[in-house]
Protein backbone atom coordinates (compact mmCIF):
# COMPACT_ATOMS: atom_id res chain seq x y z
CA MET A 1 23.72 115.62 -134.13
CA PRO A 2 24.57 112.65 -136.59
CA HIS A 3 21.28 110.99 -138.76
CA GLU A 4 20.55 107.48 -137.71
CA VAL A 5 18.94 105.44 -140.58
CA ARG A 6 15.55 104.15 -139.44
CA THR A 7 13.61 103.30 -142.58
CA THR A 8 15.00 102.41 -145.99
CA LYS A 9 14.10 101.04 -149.25
CA PHE A 10 16.54 99.47 -152.55
CA THR A 11 15.35 98.44 -155.45
CA VAL A 12 17.37 95.86 -156.35
CA THR A 13 17.75 93.16 -159.11
CA ASP A 14 19.70 90.79 -157.30
CA VAL A 15 18.64 89.93 -153.80
CA ASP A 16 21.26 87.87 -152.46
CA THR A 17 24.14 89.92 -154.08
CA SER A 18 22.61 93.19 -152.99
CA ARG A 19 22.13 91.63 -149.28
CA ALA A 20 25.79 90.91 -148.85
CA PHE A 21 26.60 94.39 -150.11
CA TYR A 22 24.41 96.01 -147.96
CA GLU A 23 25.29 93.63 -144.81
CA LEU A 24 28.89 94.98 -145.33
CA ILE A 25 27.92 98.66 -144.51
CA GLY A 26 25.89 97.63 -141.54
CA LEU A 27 22.70 97.61 -142.90
CA THR A 28 20.54 94.32 -142.16
CA GLU A 29 17.34 93.68 -144.09
CA VAL A 30 14.17 93.52 -141.55
CA ASN A 31 11.46 93.04 -144.44
CA ARG A 32 10.82 92.67 -147.69
CA PHE A 33 8.19 94.15 -150.18
CA GLU A 34 7.97 92.76 -153.88
CA THR A 35 6.30 94.02 -156.79
CA ALA A 36 5.90 92.97 -160.47
CA GLY A 37 6.37 96.59 -161.78
CA LEU A 38 8.14 99.78 -161.43
CA ALA A 39 6.72 103.40 -160.47
CA ASP A 40 6.38 105.74 -163.19
CA PHE A 41 9.42 108.18 -162.63
CA ASP A 42 7.46 111.23 -164.12
CA ALA A 43 4.11 110.51 -161.79
CA VAL A 44 6.53 109.91 -158.59
CA ARG A 45 7.95 113.39 -159.60
CA GLU A 46 4.80 114.95 -160.03
CA ARG A 47 3.10 113.62 -156.88
CA VAL A 48 6.34 114.66 -154.77
CA LYS A 49 6.09 118.49 -155.87
CA ALA A 50 2.17 118.34 -155.37
CA GLY A 51 2.89 117.49 -152.01
CA GLY A 52 4.75 120.42 -151.64
CA LEU A 53 8.09 118.86 -150.85
CA ARG A 54 11.17 120.78 -151.72
CA THR A 55 12.88 118.84 -155.10
CA ARG A 56 15.76 119.87 -156.60
CA GLU A 57 16.09 118.48 -160.43
CA PHE A 58 19.09 117.21 -162.33
CA GLY A 59 18.22 116.60 -165.76
CA ALA A 60 15.41 114.74 -167.12
CA GLY A 61 16.51 111.51 -165.02
CA MET A 62 17.33 112.54 -161.33
CA PHE A 63 15.78 114.56 -158.41
CA LEU A 64 16.08 115.04 -154.96
CA ALA A 65 13.53 115.42 -152.67
CA ASP A 66 13.52 116.12 -148.65
CA ASP A 67 11.39 113.84 -146.41
CA PRO A 68 9.68 115.50 -143.76
CA SER A 69 12.57 114.50 -141.18
CA GLY A 70 15.02 116.24 -143.33
CA ASN A 71 16.83 113.33 -144.99
CA VAL A 72 17.41 113.91 -148.60
CA VAL A 73 15.91 111.09 -151.04
CA GLU A 74 17.51 110.35 -154.89
CA VAL A 75 14.84 109.57 -157.24
CA VAL A 76 16.35 108.20 -160.65
CA ARG A 77 14.80 107.40 -163.71
CA LEU A 78 16.11 103.48 -164.56
CA ALA A 79 17.01 102.80 -168.08
CA THR A 80 14.92 100.56 -169.93
CA PRO A 81 16.68 97.67 -171.79
């Protein structure tokens, strides 16, 4: 059975350009949450591991985690300017 996207979050730097891209692939913005900062990558990785979720590490800057519904979530450390 194919998966259906119900909820997702994207971190973007240019909302208008990103919205146009995601609308091209059939996604529609239904809500927006804005924050001034980014989550600390290492802290997120440790919380995911402590929560007992399956993860696959790809070097120091990326890991995949399976959410409770079986979706794969990619978490990537952003390069700092």
